Amino acid sequence: MKLKKIITVIFIILAAGMAALSGIMKLTASDDIVKMMSAIGVGKYVTLLGIMEIAFAALFVIPQTYKLGFILLSCYFAGALAVELSRGMEFHALLPLALVWLAAFLRDSGIFLGRGAQKVAQG
C-alpha cells in the first residue's frame, strides 16, 4: 500500500508540476511564448492563462479541492488539445492531460468508475 501512495504522489507532483511550469512560462511572457500564443489567437491572454494554470494545479494538489482541480485542468488541457488538433500543431497538451487523469485515477479511482464499480474492482 505504501508503494501505491508513493507512486500516486509522484504522478500528482508530475501532473501539477507540468501545469504550474507551463503557467510560470506564460507569466514570464517571453517572446517565443507570446508569439506562439498570438499565432493561435490568445496572445493578449497569456498572463491570464498562466495564472489559471497555476491556480488549477494548486487546486489539484490540495486534497480537499483535487476534484475541482481535476475538472479544471482536464477542461483546460482538453481545450488546448482541441486548438492543437484544429491547427495541425504538435500535441503538447496530451502529456499533461494524460498525467492529470492518471494521477486522479491513482488518487481515487471512484472519480472515473463511480463508487459501486470501484467496490467491484477492488474485489
N, C-alpha and C. Protein backbone atom coordinates (compact mmCIF):
# COMPACT_ATOMS: atom_id res chain seq x y z
N MET A 1 0.81 -1.20 0.00
CA MET A 1 0.00 0.00 0.00
C MET A 1 0.86 1.26 0.00
N LYS A 2 2.01 1.21 0.65
CA LYS A 2 2.89 2.37 0.68
C LYS A 2 3.43 2.70 -0.71
N LEU A 3 3.74 1.68 -1.49
CA LEU A 3 4.28 1.89 -2.84
C LEU A 3 3.25 2.61 -3.70
N LYS A 4 1.98 2.21 -3.60
CA LYS A 4 0.93 2.87 -4.38
C LYS A 4 0.83 4.34 -3.99
N LYS A 5 0.93 4.64 -2.71
CA LYS A 5 0.86 6.02 -2.23
C LYS A 5 2.03 6.84 -2.77
N ILE A 6 3.21 6.26 -2.77
CA ILE A 6 4.39 6.95 -3.29
C ILE A 6 4.24 7.22 -4.78
N ILE A 7 3.80 6.21 -5.53
CA ILE A 7 3.60 6.38 -6.97
C ILE A 7 2.53 7.43 -7.24
N THR A 8 1.46 7.41 -6.45
CA THR A 8 0.39 8.40 -6.61
C THR A 8 0.92 9.81 -6.39
N VAL A 9 1.67 10.00 -5.33
CA VAL A 9 2.24 11.33 -5.03
C VAL A 9 3.17 11.78 -6.16
N ILE A 10 3.95 10.86 -6.69
CA ILE A 10 4.85 11.20 -7.80
C ILE A 10 4.05 11.69 -9.01
N PHE A 11 2.99 10.97 -9.35
CA PHE A 11 2.19 11.38 -10.50
C PHE A 11 1.43 12.68 -10.25
N ILE A 12 0.98 12.90 -9.02
CA ILE A 12 0.32 14.17 -8.69
C ILE A 12 1.30 15.31 -8.86
N ILE A 13 2.51 15.14 -8.37
CA ILE A 13 3.54 16.18 -8.47
C ILE A 13 3.92 16.42 -9.93
N LEU A 14 4.06 15.34 -10.71
CA LEU A 14 4.39 15.50 -12.13
C LEU A 14 3.29 16.25 -12.88
N ALA A 15 2.04 15.85 -12.66
CA ALA A 15 0.92 16.49 -13.36
C ALA A 15 0.79 17.95 -12.96
N ALA A 16 0.77 18.21 -11.67
CA ALA A 16 0.63 19.59 -11.20
C ALA A 16 1.87 20.41 -11.56
N GLY A 17 3.02 19.77 -11.48
CA GLY A 17 4.27 20.47 -11.81
C GLY A 17 4.32 20.90 -13.27
N MET A 18 3.87 20.02 -14.17
CA MET A 18 3.86 20.39 -15.60
C MET A 18 2.92 21.57 -15.84
N ALA A 19 1.75 21.52 -15.21
CA ALA A 19 0.79 22.61 -15.38
C ALA A 19 1.33 23.91 -14.79
N ALA A 20 1.89 23.83 -13.60
CA ALA A 20 2.43 25.03 -12.95
C ALA A 20 3.62 25.59 -13.73
N LEU A 21 4.49 24.72 -14.22
CA LEU A 21 5.63 25.18 -15.01
C LEU A 21 5.18 25.86 -16.29
N SER A 22 4.18 25.29 -16.93
CA SER A 22 3.62 25.91 -18.14
C SER A 22 3.04 27.27 -17.81
N GLY A 23 2.37 27.36 -16.66
CA GLY A 23 1.81 28.64 -16.23
C GLY A 23 2.90 29.67 -15.94
N ILE A 24 3.95 29.24 -15.30
CA ILE A 24 5.07 30.15 -15.00
C ILE A 24 5.71 30.64 -16.29
N MET A 25 5.86 29.73 -17.26
CA MET A 25 6.43 30.14 -18.55
C MET A 25 5.55 31.21 -19.22
N LYS A 26 4.24 31.05 -19.09
CA LYS A 26 3.35 32.05 -19.66
C LYS A 26 3.45 33.38 -18.91
N LEU A 27 3.64 33.32 -17.60
CA LEU A 27 3.76 34.55 -16.81
C LEU A 27 5.03 35.33 -17.15
N THR A 28 6.06 34.63 -17.60
CA THR A 28 7.29 35.33 -17.99
C THR A 28 7.08 36.11 -19.28
N ALA A 29 6.07 35.70 -20.06
CA ALA A 29 5.71 36.37 -21.32
C ALA A 29 6.93 36.56 -22.23
N SER A 30 7.72 35.50 -22.36
CA SER A 30 8.87 35.56 -23.27
C SER A 30 8.37 35.74 -24.70
N ASP A 31 9.23 36.24 -25.55
CA ASP A 31 8.85 36.50 -26.94
C ASP A 31 8.34 35.24 -27.64
N ASP A 32 9.00 34.11 -27.39
CA ASP A 32 8.59 32.85 -28.03
C ASP A 32 7.18 32.44 -27.60
N ILE A 33 6.92 32.54 -26.31
CA ILE A 33 5.60 32.15 -25.79
C ILE A 33 4.52 33.08 -26.35
N VAL A 34 4.76 34.37 -26.30
CA VAL A 34 3.78 35.33 -26.79
C VAL A 34 3.55 35.13 -28.29
N LYS A 35 4.62 34.87 -29.03
CA LYS A 35 4.50 34.65 -30.47
C LYS A 35 3.65 33.41 -30.75
N MET A 36 3.92 32.32 -30.02
CA MET A 36 3.17 31.08 -30.22
C MET A 36 1.70 31.28 -29.84
N MET A 37 1.46 31.93 -28.72
CA MET A 37 0.09 32.14 -28.26
C MET A 37 -0.66 33.12 -29.17
N SER A 38 0.05 34.10 -29.71
CA SER A 38 -0.57 35.04 -30.65
C SER A 38 -0.95 34.34 -31.95
N ALA A 39 -0.16 33.36 -32.34
CA ALA A 39 -0.43 32.63 -33.58
C ALA A 39 -1.76 31.87 -33.50
N ILE A 40 -2.15 31.49 -32.30
CA ILE A 40 -3.44 30.79 -32.16
C ILE A 40 -4.55 31.72 -31.68
N GLY A 41 -4.23 33.00 -31.55
CA GLY A 41 -5.26 34.00 -31.25
C GLY A 41 -5.49 34.31 -29.79
N VAL A 42 -4.61 33.89 -28.91
CA VAL A 42 -4.80 34.17 -27.48
C VAL A 42 -3.61 34.92 -26.87
N GLY A 43 -2.87 35.62 -27.70
CA GLY A 43 -1.67 36.31 -27.24
C GLY A 43 -1.92 37.32 -26.14
N LYS A 44 -3.05 38.00 -26.19
CA LYS A 44 -3.32 39.03 -25.18
C LYS A 44 -3.77 38.42 -23.84
N TYR A 45 -4.00 37.11 -23.82
CA TYR A 45 -4.44 36.44 -22.60
C TYR A 45 -3.35 35.58 -21.96
N VAL A 46 -2.12 35.74 -22.38
CA VAL A 46 -1.03 34.88 -21.90
C VAL A 46 -0.92 34.92 -20.38
N THR A 47 -0.96 36.10 -19.79
CA THR A 47 -0.83 36.23 -18.34
C THR A 47 -2.01 35.55 -17.63
N LEU A 48 -3.20 35.79 -18.11
CA LEU A 48 -4.38 35.18 -17.51
C LEU A 48 -4.33 33.66 -17.61
N LEU A 49 -3.92 33.15 -18.76
CA LEU A 49 -3.81 31.70 -18.93
C LEU A 49 -2.76 31.11 -17.98
N GLY A 50 -1.66 31.83 -17.79
CA GLY A 50 -0.63 31.38 -16.85
C GLY A 50 -1.14 31.31 -15.43
N ILE A 51 -1.87 32.35 -15.02
CA ILE A 51 -2.45 32.36 -13.67
C ILE A 51 -3.44 31.22 -13.50
N MET A 52 -4.26 30.98 -14.54
CA MET A 52 -5.23 29.89 -14.47
C MET A 52 -4.54 28.55 -14.29
N GLU A 53 -3.50 28.29 -15.07
CA GLU A 53 -2.79 27.01 -14.97
C GLU A 53 -2.21 26.80 -13.58
N ILE A 54 -1.61 27.82 -13.03
CA ILE A 54 -1.02 27.71 -11.69
C ILE A 54 -2.12 27.48 -10.64
N ALA A 55 -3.21 28.21 -10.75
CA ALA A 55 -4.31 28.05 -9.80
C ALA A 55 -4.94 26.66 -9.90
N PHE A 56 -5.16 26.18 -11.12
CA PHE A 56 -5.75 24.85 -11.31
C PHE A 56 -4.82 23.77 -10.76
N ALA A 57 -3.52 23.94 -10.97
CA ALA A 57 -2.55 22.97 -10.45
C ALA A 57 -2.58 22.95 -8.93
N ALA A 58 -2.68 24.13 -8.32
CA ALA A 58 -2.75 24.21 -6.86
C ALA A 58 -4.00 23.53 -6.33
N LEU A 59 -5.13 23.75 -7.01
CA LEU A 59 -6.37 23.09 -6.60
C LEU A 59 -6.25 21.57 -6.71
N PHE A 60 -5.54 21.10 -7.72
CA PHE A 60 -5.38 19.66 -7.94
C PHE A 60 -4.52 19.02 -6.85
N VAL A 61 -3.57 19.75 -6.32
CA VAL A 61 -2.66 19.20 -5.30
C VAL A 61 -3.34 19.14 -3.93
N ILE A 62 -4.18 20.10 -3.63
CA ILE A 62 -4.83 20.16 -2.31
C ILE A 62 -5.88 19.06 -2.21
N PRO A 63 -5.79 18.20 -1.21
CA PRO A 63 -6.71 17.06 -1.11
C PRO A 63 -8.20 17.46 -1.10
N GLN A 64 -8.54 18.55 -0.44
CA GLN A 64 -9.94 18.95 -0.34
C GLN A 64 -10.50 19.50 -1.65
N THR A 65 -9.64 19.92 -2.56
CA THR A 65 -10.10 20.54 -3.80
C THR A 65 -9.60 19.82 -5.05
N TYR A 66 -9.08 18.60 -4.89
CA TYR A 66 -8.47 17.94 -6.03
C TYR A 66 -9.48 17.63 -7.13
N LYS A 67 -10.73 17.35 -6.77
CA LYS A 67 -11.73 17.05 -7.80
C LYS A 67 -12.01 18.28 -8.67
N LEU A 68 -12.11 19.43 -8.04
CA LEU A 68 -12.29 20.67 -8.80
C LEU A 68 -11.06 20.93 -9.67
N GLY A 69 -9.87 20.75 -9.10
CA GLY A 69 -8.64 20.92 -9.86
C GLY A 69 -8.57 19.96 -11.03
N PHE A 70 -9.01 18.71 -10.81
CA PHE A 70 -9.03 17.71 -11.87
C PHE A 70 -9.93 18.16 -13.01
N ILE A 71 -11.12 18.61 -12.68
CA ILE A 71 -12.07 19.05 -13.72
C ILE A 71 -11.51 20.25 -14.47
N LEU A 72 -10.99 21.23 -13.75
CA LEU A 72 -10.48 22.45 -14.40
C LEU A 72 -9.25 22.16 -15.25
N LEU A 73 -8.32 21.36 -14.75
CA LEU A 73 -7.14 21.00 -15.55
C LEU A 73 -7.53 20.18 -16.78
N SER A 74 -8.48 19.26 -16.60
CA SER A 74 -8.94 18.45 -17.74
C SER A 74 -9.55 19.34 -18.82
N CYS A 75 -10.39 20.27 -18.40
CA CYS A 75 -11.01 21.18 -19.37
C CYS A 75 -9.98 22.07 -20.04
N TYR A 76 -9.04 22.57 -19.26
CA TYR A 76 -8.01 23.46 -19.80
C TYR A 76 -7.18 22.74 -20.86
N PHE A 77 -6.66 21.57 -20.49
CA PHE A 77 -5.80 20.85 -21.43
C PHE A 77 -6.58 20.23 -22.59
N ALA A 78 -7.84 19.87 -22.36
CA ALA A 78 -8.67 19.38 -23.47
C ALA A 78 -8.91 20.51 -24.47
N GLY A 79 -9.13 21.72 -23.98
CA GLY A 79 -9.28 22.87 -24.87
C GLY A 79 -8.00 23.15 -25.63
N ALA A 80 -6.87 23.06 -24.94
CA ALA A 80 -5.58 23.26 -25.61
C ALA A 80 -5.35 22.19 -26.67
N LEU A 81 -5.73 20.97 -26.35
CA LEU A 81 -5.58 19.87 -27.32
C LEU A 81 -6.49 20.10 -28.53
N ALA A 82 -7.69 20.59 -28.30
CA ALA A 82 -8.60 20.88 -29.41
C ALA A 82 -8.02 21.95 -30.33
N VAL A 83 -7.41 22.97 -29.75
CA VAL A 83 -6.78 24.02 -30.56
C VAL A 83 -5.63 23.42 -31.35
N GLU A 84 -4.82 22.60 -30.70
CA GLU A 84 -3.69 21.98 -31.40
C GLU A 84 -4.16 21.10 -32.55
N LEU A 85 -5.21 20.34 -32.32
CA LEU A 85 -5.76 19.49 -33.38
C LEU A 85 -6.31 20.33 -34.54
N SER A 86 -7.01 21.38 -34.22
CA SER A 86 -7.64 22.19 -35.27
C SER A 86 -6.62 22.97 -36.09
N ARG A 87 -5.46 23.20 -35.53
CA ARG A 87 -4.43 23.97 -36.23
C ARG A 87 -3.31 23.10 -36.78
N GLY A 88 -3.43 21.79 -36.63
CA GLY A 88 -2.40 20.89 -37.14
C GLY A 88 -1.07 21.03 -36.42
N MET A 89 -1.11 21.35 -35.14
CA MET A 89 0.10 21.55 -34.35
C MET A 89 0.48 20.25 -33.64
N GLU A 90 1.67 20.25 -33.04
CA GLU A 90 2.08 19.12 -32.21
C GLU A 90 1.19 19.07 -30.97
N PHE A 91 1.01 17.86 -30.42
CA PHE A 91 0.12 17.68 -29.29
C PHE A 91 0.86 17.91 -27.96
N HIS A 92 1.12 19.15 -27.62
CA HIS A 92 1.81 19.46 -26.37
C HIS A 92 0.91 19.26 -25.15
N ALA A 93 -0.40 19.36 -25.32
CA ALA A 93 -1.32 19.26 -24.19
C ALA A 93 -1.66 17.82 -23.84
N LEU A 94 -1.30 16.88 -24.67
CA LEU A 94 -1.68 15.49 -24.44
C LEU A 94 -0.98 14.88 -23.22
N LEU A 95 0.30 15.11 -23.06
CA LEU A 95 1.03 14.54 -21.93
C LEU A 95 0.52 15.07 -20.58
N PRO A 96 0.39 16.39 -20.40
CA PRO A 96 -0.13 16.85 -19.11
C PRO A 96 -1.55 16.34 -18.84
N LEU A 97 -2.37 16.27 -19.88
CA LEU A 97 -3.74 15.76 -19.70
C LEU A 97 -3.71 14.30 -19.25
N ALA A 98 -2.88 13.50 -19.89
CA ALA A 98 -2.77 12.08 -19.51
C ALA A 98 -2.24 11.94 -18.07
N LEU A 99 -1.27 12.76 -17.70
CA LEU A 99 -0.74 12.71 -16.33
C LEU A 99 -1.79 13.10 -15.30
N VAL A 100 -2.58 14.12 -15.62
CA VAL A 100 -3.64 14.54 -14.70
C VAL A 100 -4.64 13.41 -14.50
N TRP A 101 -5.03 12.77 -15.59
CA TRP A 101 -6.00 11.68 -15.49
C TRP A 101 -5.42 10.49 -14.74
N LEU A 102 -4.18 10.14 -15.02
CA LEU A 102 -3.54 9.02 -14.33
C LEU A 102 -3.40 9.31 -12.83
N ALA A 103 -2.96 10.52 -12.51
CA ALA A 103 -2.81 10.90 -11.10
C ALA A 103 -4.16 10.87 -10.38
N ALA A 104 -5.19 11.37 -11.04
CA ALA A 104 -6.53 11.38 -10.44
C ALA A 104 -7.02 9.95 -10.22
N PHE A 105 -6.78 9.08 -11.20
CA PHE A 105 -7.21 7.68 -11.08
C PHE A 105 -6.47 6.99 -9.93
N LEU A 106 -5.17 7.22 -9.83
CA LEU A 106 -4.41 6.60 -8.74
C LEU A 106 -4.85 7.13 -7.38
N ARG A 107 -5.17 8.41 -7.34
CA ARG A 107 -5.58 9.03 -6.08
C ARG A 107 -6.95 8.51 -5.64
N ASP A 108 -7.89 8.41 -6.60
CA ASP A 108 -9.25 8.00 -6.28
C ASP A 108 -9.90 7.46 -7.55
N SER A 109 -9.87 6.14 -7.73
CA SER A 109 -10.42 5.56 -8.95
C SER A 109 -11.91 5.79 -9.08
N GLY A 110 -12.58 6.11 -7.98
CA GLY A 110 -14.00 6.40 -8.00
C GLY A 110 -14.34 7.64 -8.81
N ILE A 111 -13.35 8.47 -9.08
CA ILE A 111 -13.58 9.67 -9.88
C ILE A 111 -13.98 9.29 -11.31
N PHE A 112 -13.57 8.11 -11.76
CA PHE A 112 -13.93 7.63 -13.09
C PHE A 112 -14.97 6.52 -13.05
N LEU A 113 -14.83 5.61 -12.10
CA LEU A 113 -15.64 4.41 -12.08
C LEU A 113 -16.94 4.55 -11.29
N GLY A 114 -17.03 5.50 -10.42
CA GLY A 114 -18.17 5.57 -9.51
C GLY A 114 -17.91 4.66 -8.32
N ARG A 115 -18.59 4.89 -7.25
CA ARG A 115 -18.33 4.15 -6.02
C ARG A 115 -18.70 2.67 -6.14
N GLY A 116 -19.80 2.34 -6.80
CA GLY A 116 -20.21 0.95 -6.94
C GLY A 116 -19.21 0.14 -7.75
N ALA A 117 -18.82 0.68 -8.88
CA ALA A 117 -17.85 0.00 -9.74
C ALA A 117 -16.50 -0.10 -9.06
N GLN A 118 -16.19 0.89 -8.26
CA GLN A 118 -14.90 0.88 -7.56
C GLN A 118 -14.86 -0.28 -6.55
N LYS A 119 -15.97 -0.52 -5.85
CA LYS A 119 -16.01 -1.63 -4.87
C LYS A 119 -15.87 -2.97 -5.58
N VAL A 120 -16.52 -3.11 -6.72
CA VAL A 120 -16.43 -4.35 -7.51
C VAL A 120 -15.00 -4.56 -8.00
N ALA A 121 -14.36 -3.48 -8.48
CA ALA A 121 -13.00 -3.57 -9.00
C ALA A 121 -12.00 -3.95 -7.90
N GLN A 122 -12.26 -3.50 -6.68
CA GLN A 122 -11.35 -3.81 -5.58
C GLN A 122 -11.56 -5.23 -5.07
N GLY A 123 -12.70 -5.81 -5.42
CA GLY A 123 -12.92 -7.21 -5.07
C GLY A 123 -13.63 -7.32 -3.81
